[in-house]
PDB file of all heavy atoms in Angstrom:
ATOM      1  N   PRO A   1       9.481  14.965   2.569  1.00  0.00           N
ATOM      2  CA  PRO A   1      10.084  16.280   2.078  1.00  0.00           C
ATOM      3  C   PRO A   1      11.676  16.158   2.316  1.00  0.00           C
ATOM      4  O   PRO A   1      12.143  15.459   3.193  1.00  0.00           O
ATOM      5  CB  PRO A   1       9.426  17.224   2.960  1.00  0.00           C
ATOM      6  CG  PRO A   1       9.231  16.519   4.327  1.00  0.00           C
ATOM      7  CD  PRO A   1       8.851  15.183   3.944  1.00  0.00           C
ATOM      8  N   ARG A   2      12.284  16.904   1.661  1.00  0.00           N
ATOM      9  CA  ARG A   2      13.629  17.089   1.736  1.00  0.00           C
ATOM     10  C   ARG A   2      13.893  18.025   2.999  1.00  0.00           C
ATOM     11  O   ARG A   2      13.224  18.890   3.217  1.00  0.00           O
ATOM     12  CB  ARG A   2      14.336  17.687   0.579  1.00  0.00           C
ATOM     13  CG  ARG A   2      14.471  16.815  -0.646  1.00  0.00           C
ATOM     14  CD  ARG A   2      15.373  17.331  -1.745  1.00  0.00           C
ATOM     15  NE  ARG A   2      15.540  16.269  -2.791  1.00  0.00           N
ATOM     16  CZ  ARG A   2      16.334  16.524  -3.808  1.00  0.00           C
ATOM     17  NH1 ARG A   2      17.030  17.745  -3.957  1.00  0.00           N
ATOM     18  NH2 ARG A   2      16.438  15.688  -4.748  1.00  0.00           N
ATOM     19  N   TYR A   3      14.950  17.655   3.767  1.00  0.00           N
ATOM     20  CA  TYR A   3      15.239  18.392   5.020  1.00  0.00           C
ATOM     21  C   TYR A   3      15.350  19.896   4.702  1.00  0.00           C
ATOM     22  O   TYR A   3      16.069  20.385   3.706  1.00  0.00           O
ATOM     23  CB  TYR A   3      16.492  17.896   5.656  1.00  0.00           C
ATOM     24  CG  TYR A   3      17.136  18.784   6.701  1.00  0.00           C
ATOM     25  CD1 TYR A   3      16.333  19.084   7.835  1.00  0.00           C
ATOM     26  CD2 TYR A   3      18.309  19.461   6.444  1.00  0.00           C
ATOM     27  CE1 TYR A   3      16.858  19.799   8.729  1.00  0.00           C
ATOM     28  CE2 TYR A   3      18.783  20.240   7.423  1.00  0.00           C
ATOM     29  CZ  TYR A   3      18.020  20.450   8.609  1.00  0.00           C
ATOM     30  OH  TYR A   3      18.449  21.337   9.553  1.00  0.00           O
ATOM     31  N   GLY A   4      14.586  20.718   5.494  1.00  0.00           N
ATOM     32  CA  GLY A   4      14.740  22.139   5.473  1.00  0.00           C
ATOM     33  C   GLY A   4      13.991  22.858   4.422  1.00  0.00           C
ATOM     34  O   GLY A   4      14.047  23.957   4.192  1.00  0.00           O
ATOM     35  N   GLN A   5      13.210  21.972   3.595  1.00  0.00           N
ATOM     36  CA  GLN A   5      12.448  22.582   2.507  1.00  0.00           C
ATOM     37  C   GLN A   5      11.013  22.439   2.741  1.00  0.00           C
ATOM     38  O   GLN A   5      10.510  21.601   3.529  1.00  0.00           O
ATOM     39  CB  GLN A   5      12.721  21.885   1.237  1.00  0.00           C
ATOM     40  CG  GLN A   5      14.155  22.139   0.739  1.00  0.00           C
ATOM     41  CD  GLN A   5      14.384  21.447  -0.561  1.00  0.00           C
ATOM     42  OE1 GLN A   5      13.558  20.734  -1.177  1.00  0.00           O
ATOM     43  NE2 GLN A   5      15.587  21.647  -1.147  1.00  0.00           N
ATOM     44  N   PRO A   6      10.159  23.423   2.325  1.00  0.00           N
ATOM     45  CA  PRO A   6       8.683  23.285   2.525  1.00  0.00           C
ATOM     46  C   PRO A   6       8.121  22.038   1.844  1.00  0.00           C
ATOM     47  O   PRO A   6       8.592  21.648   0.849  1.00  0.00           O
ATOM     48  CB  PRO A   6       8.113  24.587   1.869  1.00  0.00           C
ATOM     49  CG  PRO A   6       9.182  24.980   0.918  1.00  0.00           C
ATOM     50  CD  PRO A   6      10.438  24.599   1.553  1.00  0.00           C
ATOM     51  N   VAL A   7       7.012  21.594   2.426  1.00  0.00           N
ATOM     52  CA  VAL A   7       6.338  20.427   1.902  1.00  0.00           C
ATOM     53  C   VAL A   7       5.392  20.814   0.772  1.00  0.00           C
ATOM     54  O   VAL A   7       4.572  21.781   0.905  1.00  0.00           O
ATOM     55  CB  VAL A   7       5.514  19.690   2.978  1.00  0.00           C
ATOM     56  CG1 VAL A   7       4.749  18.540   2.423  1.00  0.00           C
ATOM     57  CG2 VAL A   7       6.465  19.215   4.061  1.00  0.00           C
ATOM     58  N   GLU A   8       5.496  20.097  -0.281  1.00  0.00           N
ATOM     59  CA  GLU A   8       4.559  20.316  -1.390  1.00  0.00           C
ATOM     60  C   GLU A   8       3.261  19.701  -1.100  1.00  0.00           C
ATOM     61  O   GLU A   8       3.117  18.570  -0.584  1.00  0.00           O
ATOM     62  CB  GLU A   8       5.123  19.649  -2.665  1.00  0.00           C
ATOM     63  CG  GLU A   8       4.125  19.775  -3.920  1.00  0.00           C
ATOM     64  CD  GLU A   8       4.615  19.062  -5.093  1.00  0.00           C
ATOM     65  OE1 GLU A   8       5.665  18.395  -4.935  1.00  0.00           O
ATOM     66  OE2 GLU A   8       3.982  19.045  -6.136  1.00  0.00           O
ATOM     67  N   ILE A   9       2.100  20.531  -1.395  1.00  0.00           N
ATOM     68  CA  ILE A   9       0.800  19.943  -1.150  1.00  0.00           C
ATOM     69  C   ILE A   9       0.124  19.921  -2.541  1.00  0.00           C
ATOM     70  O   ILE A   9       0.070  20.980  -3.271  1.00  0.00           O
ATOM     71  CB  ILE A   9      -0.024  20.856  -0.191  1.00  0.00           C
ATOM     72  CG1 ILE A   9       0.663  20.742   1.180  1.00  0.00           C
ATOM     73  CG2 ILE A   9      -1.466  20.371  -0.083  1.00  0.00           C
ATOM     74  CD1 ILE A   9      -0.065  21.525   2.213  1.00  0.00           C
ATOM     75  N   ARG A  10      -0.456  18.824  -2.864  1.00  0.00           N
ATOM     76  CA  ARG A  10      -0.996  18.586  -4.218  1.00  0.00           C
ATOM     77  C   ARG A  10      -2.360  18.067  -4.148  1.00  0.00           C
ATOM     78  O   ARG A  10      -2.756  17.277  -3.188  1.00  0.00           O
ATOM     79  CB  ARG A  10      -0.153  17.585  -4.982  1.00  0.00           C
ATOM     80  CG  ARG A  10      -0.541  17.351  -6.407  1.00  0.00           C
ATOM     81  CD  ARG A  10       0.372  16.349  -7.015  1.00  0.00           C
ATOM     82  NE  ARG A  10       1.667  16.777  -6.997  1.00  0.00           N
ATOM     83  CZ  ARG A  10       2.785  16.018  -7.293  1.00  0.00           C
ATOM     84  NH1 ARG A  10       2.528  14.724  -7.555  1.00  0.00           N
ATOM     85  NH2 ARG A  10       3.961  16.443  -7.300  1.00  0.00           N
ATOM     86  N   ARG A  11      -3.351  18.464  -5.004  1.00  0.00           N
ATOM     87  CA  ARG A  11      -4.698  18.102  -4.963  1.00  0.00           C
ATOM     88  C   ARG A  11      -4.753  16.774  -5.842  1.00  0.00           C
ATOM     89  O   ARG A  11      -4.348  16.686  -6.974  1.00  0.00           O
ATOM     90  CB  ARG A  11      -5.544  19.142  -5.594  1.00  0.00           C
ATOM     91  CG  ARG A  11      -7.051  18.704  -5.605  1.00  0.00           C
ATOM     92  CD  ARG A  11      -7.995  19.797  -5.796  1.00  0.00           C
ATOM     93  NE  ARG A  11      -7.918  20.239  -7.197  1.00  0.00           N
ATOM     94  CZ  ARG A  11      -8.579  21.176  -7.710  1.00  0.00           C
ATOM     95  NH1 ARG A  11      -9.326  21.960  -7.101  1.00  0.00           N
ATOM     96  NH2 ARG A  11      -8.374  21.517  -9.034  1.00  0.00           N
ATOM     97  N   VAL A  12      -5.309  15.753  -5.274  1.00  0.00           N
ATOM     98  CA  VAL A  12      -5.536  14.428  -5.849  1.00  0.00           C
ATOM     99  C   VAL A  12      -6.970  14.190  -6.073  1.00  0.00           C
ATOM    100  O   VAL A  12      -7.703  14.109  -5.042  1.00  0.00           O
ATOM    101  CB  VAL A  12      -4.815  13.405  -5.169  1.00  0.00           C
ATOM    102  CG1 VAL A  12      -5.041  12.044  -5.848  1.00  0.00           C
ATOM    103  CG2 VAL A  12      -3.406  13.725  -4.977  1.00  0.00           C
ATOM    104  N   GLN A  13      -7.554  13.978  -7.234  1.00  0.00           N
ATOM    105  CA  GLN A  13      -8.945  13.730  -7.379  1.00  0.00           C
ATOM    106  C   GLN A  13      -9.265  12.351  -6.885  1.00  0.00           C
ATOM    107  O   GLN A  13      -8.607  11.426  -7.083  1.00  0.00           O
ATOM    108  CB  GLN A  13      -9.268  13.770  -8.913  1.00  0.00           C
ATOM    109  CG  GLN A  13      -9.171  15.166  -9.463  1.00  0.00           C
ATOM    110  CD  GLN A  13     -10.161  16.112  -8.907  1.00  0.00           C
ATOM    111  OE1 GLN A  13     -11.201  15.767  -8.478  1.00  0.00           O
ATOM    112  NE2 GLN A  13      -9.756  17.398  -8.896  1.00  0.00           N
ATOM    113  N   ARG A  14     -10.400  12.204  -6.225  1.00  0.00           N
ATOM    114  CA  ARG A  14     -10.904  11.000  -5.679  1.00  0.00           C
ATOM    115  C   ARG A  14     -12.261  10.729  -5.998  1.00  0.00           C
ATOM    116  O   ARG A  14     -13.113  11.667  -6.202  1.00  0.00           O
ATOM    117  CB  ARG A  14     -10.795  10.922  -4.151  1.00  0.00           C
ATOM    118  CG  ARG A  14      -9.266  11.091  -3.712  1.00  0.00           C
ATOM    119  CD  ARG A  14      -9.242  10.885  -2.224  1.00  0.00           C
ATOM    120  NE  ARG A  14      -9.777   9.599  -1.817  1.00  0.00           N
ATOM    121  CZ  ARG A  14     -10.092   9.270  -0.598  1.00  0.00           C
ATOM    122  NH1 ARG A  14     -10.020  10.109   0.371  1.00  0.00           N
ATOM    123  NH2 ARG A  14     -10.636   8.034  -0.259  1.00  0.00           N
ATOM    124  N   LYS A  15     -12.697   9.500  -6.079  1.00  0.00           N
ATOM    125  CA  LYS A  15     -14.133   9.134  -6.423  1.00  0.00           C
ATOM    126  C   LYS A  15     -15.027   9.497  -5.223  1.00  0.00           C
ATOM    127  O   LYS A  15     -16.128   9.866  -5.371  1.00  0.00           O
ATOM    128  CB  LYS A  15     -14.186   7.702  -6.726  1.00  0.00           C
ATOM    129  CG  LYS A  15     -13.447   7.310  -7.994  1.00  0.00           C
ATOM    130  CD  LYS A  15     -13.564   5.797  -8.350  1.00  0.00           C
ATOM    131  CE  LYS A  15     -12.922   5.376  -9.562  1.00  0.00           C
ATOM    132  NZ  LYS A  15     -13.028   3.918  -9.863  1.00  0.00           N
ATOM    133  N   HIS A  16     -14.474   9.331  -3.985  1.00  0.00           N
ATOM    134  CA  HIS A  16     -15.246   9.600  -2.897  1.00  0.00           C
ATOM    135  C   HIS A  16     -14.535  10.489  -1.984  1.00  0.00           C
ATOM    136  O   HIS A  16     -13.476  10.131  -1.416  1.00  0.00           O
ATOM    137  CB  HIS A  16     -15.599   8.224  -2.145  1.00  0.00           C
ATOM    138  CG  HIS A  16     -16.357   7.321  -3.028  1.00  0.00           C
ATOM    139  ND1 HIS A  16     -17.635   7.409  -3.410  1.00  0.00           N
ATOM    140  CD2 HIS A  16     -15.844   6.249  -3.607  1.00  0.00           C
ATOM    141  CE1 HIS A  16     -17.936   6.421  -4.216  1.00  0.00           C
ATOM    142  NE2 HIS A  16     -16.814   5.600  -4.313  1.00  0.00           N
ATOM    143  N   ALA A  17     -14.999  11.733  -1.699  1.00  0.00           N
ATOM    144  CA  ALA A  17     -14.350  12.686  -0.823  1.00  0.00           C
ATOM    145  C   ALA A  17     -14.562  12.232   0.591  1.00  0.00           C
ATOM    146  O   ALA A  17     -15.701  11.939   0.931  1.00  0.00           O
ATOM    147  CB  ALA A  17     -14.845  14.025  -1.007  1.00  0.00           C
ATOM    148  N   PRO A  18     -13.523  12.085   1.461  1.00  0.00           N
ATOM    149  CA  PRO A  18     -13.653  11.622   2.772  1.00  0.00           C
ATOM    150  C   PRO A  18     -14.526  12.533   3.615  1.00  0.00           C
ATOM    151  O   PRO A  18     -15.444  12.129   4.373  1.00  0.00           O
ATOM    152  CB  PRO A  18     -12.304  11.534   3.364  1.00  0.00           C
ATOM    153  CG  PRO A  18     -11.522  12.480   2.540  1.00  0.00           C
ATOM    154  CD  PRO A  18     -12.142  12.417   1.097  1.00  0.00           C
ATOM    155  N   SER A  19     -14.378  13.853   3.558  1.00  0.00           N
ATOM    156  CA  SER A  19     -15.186  14.871   4.295  1.00  0.00           C
ATOM    157  C   SER A  19     -14.605  16.226   4.089  1.00  0.00           C
ATOM    158  O   SER A  19     -13.658  16.429   3.387  1.00  0.00           O
ATOM    159  CB  SER A  19     -15.127  14.549   5.894  1.00  0.00           C
ATOM    160  OG  SER A  19     -13.856  14.843   6.336  1.00  0.00           O
ATOM    161  N   LEU A  20     -15.321  17.340   4.630  1.00  0.00           N
ATOM    162  CA  LEU A  20     -14.874  18.545   4.538  1.00  0.00           C
ATOM    163  C   LEU A  20     -13.616  18.805   5.265  1.00  0.00           C
ATOM    164  O   LEU A  20     -12.946  19.848   5.038  1.00  0.00           O
ATOM    165  CB  LEU A  20     -15.964  19.500   5.011  1.00  0.00           C
ATOM    166  CG  LEU A  20     -17.198  19.707   4.022  1.00  0.00           C
ATOM    167  CD1 LEU A  20     -18.305  20.624   4.711  1.00  0.00           C
ATOM    168  CD2 LEU A  20     -16.841  20.062   2.646  1.00  0.00           C
ATOM    169  N   ARG A  21     -13.319  17.940   6.116  1.00  0.00           N
ATOM    170  CA  ARG A  21     -12.113  18.056   6.932  1.00  0.00           C
ATOM    171  C   ARG A  21     -10.869  17.482   6.327  1.00  0.00           C
ATOM    172  O   ARG A  21      -9.703  17.498   6.771  1.00  0.00           O
ATOM    173  CB  ARG A  21     -12.284  17.294   8.353  1.00  0.00           C
ATOM    174  CG  ARG A  21     -13.453  17.859   9.127  1.00  0.00           C
ATOM    175  CD  ARG A  21     -13.539  17.140  10.483  1.00  0.00           C
ATOM    176  NE  ARG A  21     -12.364  17.078  11.172  1.00  0.00           N
ATOM    177  CZ  ARG A  21     -12.167  16.264  12.262  1.00  0.00           C
ATOM    178  NH1 ARG A  21     -13.073  15.499  12.659  1.00  0.00           N
ATOM    179  NH2 ARG A  21     -11.012  16.404  12.998  1.00  0.00           N
ATOM    180  N   ALA A  22     -10.982  16.942   5.065  1.00  0.00           N
ATOM    181  CA  ALA A  22      -9.783  16.314   4.425  1.00  0.00           C
ATOM    182  C   ALA A  22      -8.683  17.374   4.210  1.00  0.00           C
ATOM    183  O   ALA A  22      -7.490  16.971   4.365  1.00  0.00           O
ATOM    184  CB  ALA A  22     -10.308  15.788   3.024  1.00  0.00           C
ATOM    185  N   GLY A  23      -9.022  18.583   4.021  1.00  0.00           N
ATOM    186  CA  GLY A  23      -7.934  19.522   3.740  1.00  0.00           C
ATOM    187  C   GLY A  23      -7.151  19.838   5.023  1.00  0.00           C
ATOM    188  O   GLY A  23      -5.943  19.848   5.054  1.00  0.00           O
ATOM    189  N   GLN A  24      -7.833  19.892   6.146  1.00  0.00           N
ATOM    190  CA  GLN A  24      -7.134  19.949   7.446  1.00  0.00           C
ATOM    191  C   GLN A  24      -6.330  18.717   7.762  1.00  0.00           C
ATOM    192  O   GLN A  24      -5.229  18.925   8.232  1.00  0.00           O
ATOM    193  CB  GLN A  24      -8.211  20.172   8.531  1.00  0.00           C
ATOM    194  CG  GLN A  24      -8.969  21.507   8.399  1.00  0.00           C
ATOM    195  CD  GLN A  24     -10.126  21.588   9.364  1.00  0.00           C
ATOM    196  OE1 GLN A  24     -10.779  20.594   9.810  1.00  0.00           O
ATOM    197  NE2 GLN A  24     -10.450  22.773   9.872  1.00  0.00           N
ATOM    198  N   VAL A  25      -6.847  17.647   7.486  1.00  0.00           N
ATOM    199  CA  VAL A  25      -6.084  16.347   7.726  1.00  0.00           C
ATOM    200  C   VAL A  25      -4.785  16.297   6.905  1.00  0.00           C
ATOM    201  O   VAL A  25      -3.752  15.949   7.358  1.00  0.00           O
ATOM    202  CB  VAL A  25      -6.920  15.169   7.401  1.00  0.00           C
ATOM    203  CG1 VAL A  25      -6.195  13.882   7.474  1.00  0.00           C
ATOM    204  CG2 VAL A  25      -8.128  14.995   8.426  1.00  0.00           C
ATOM    205  N   ALA A  26      -4.887  16.753   5.551  1.00  0.00           N
ATOM    206  CA  ALA A  26      -3.769  16.724   4.776  1.00  0.00           C
ATOM    207  C   ALA A  26      -2.638  17.724   5.203  1.00  0.00           C
ATOM    208  O   ALA A  26      -1.557  17.411   5.244  1.00  0.00           O
ATOM    209  CB  ALA A  26      -4.101  17.128   3.260  1.00  0.00           C
ATOM    210  N   ALA A  27      -3.091  18.874   5.731  1.00  0.00           N
ATOM    211  CA  ALA A  27      -2.186  19.885   6.276  1.00  0.00           C
ATOM    212  C   ALA A  27      -1.561  19.310   7.417  1.00  0.00           C
ATOM    213  O   ALA A  27      -0.326  19.463   7.672  1.00  0.00           O
ATOM    214  CB  ALA A  27      -2.919  21.168   6.565  1.00  0.00           C
ATOM    215  N   LEU A  28      -2.326  18.648   8.304  1.00  0.00           N
ATOM    216  CA  LEU A  28      -1.753  17.947   9.528  1.00  0.00           C
ATOM    217  C   LEU A  28      -0.758  16.980   9.164  1.00  0.00           C
ATOM    218  O   LEU A  28       0.261  16.795   9.805  1.00  0.00           O
ATOM    219  CB  LEU A  28      -2.949  17.381  10.300  1.00  0.00           C
ATOM    220  CG  LEU A  28      -2.676  16.936  11.736  1.00  0.00           C
ATOM    221  CD1 LEU A  28      -2.197  18.128  12.608  1.00  0.00           C
ATOM    222  CD2 LEU A  28      -3.871  16.325  12.310  1.00  0.00           C
ATOM    223  N   THR A  29      -0.997  16.154   8.179  1.00  0.00           N
ATOM    224  CA  THR A  29      -0.021  15.264   7.600  1.00  0.00           C
ATOM    225  C   THR A  29       1.261  15.805   7.259  1.00  0.00           C
ATOM    226  O   THR A  29       2.415  15.376   7.495  1.00  0.00           O
ATOM    227  CB  THR A  29      -0.550  14.376   6.414  1.00  0.00           C
ATOM    228  OG1 THR A  29      -1.908  13.946   6.764  1.00  0.00           O
ATOM    229  CG2 THR A  29       0.290  13.265   5.983  1.00  0.00           C
ATOM    230  N   ALA A  30       1.145  17.057   6.566  1.00  0.00           N
ATOM    231  CA  ALA A  30       2.409  17.742   6.136  1.00  0.00           C
ATOM    232  C   ALA A  30       3.143  18.251   7.352  1.00  0.00           C
ATOM    233  O   ALA A  30       4.448  18.141   7.418  1.00  0.00           O
ATOM    234  CB  ALA A  30       1.968  18.850   5.284  1.00  0.00           C
ATOM    235  N   ILE A  31       2.482  18.859   8.276  1.00  0.00           N
ATOM    236  CA  ILE A  31       3.103  19.262   9.508  1.00  0.00           C
ATOM    237  C   ILE A  31       3.896  18.277  10.248  1.00  0.00           C
ATOM    238  O   ILE A  31       5.004  18.279  10.569  1.00  0.00           O
ATOM    239  CB  ILE A  31       2.056  20.052  10.423  1.00  0.00           C
ATOM    240  CG1 ILE A  31       1.568  21.339   9.707  1.00  0.00           C
ATOM    241  CG2 ILE A  31       2.770  20.301  11.809  1.00  0.00           C
ATOM    242  CD1 ILE A  31       0.454  22.033  10.461  1.00  0.00           C
TER     243      ILE A  31
END
């Protein structure tokens, strides 16, 4: 992300969903 700006979160379609925790993991990545 650019310094001082919020991180964009985007949905990406996948053939195999990793788990129901994927959303939490993605948010953790952003943080």
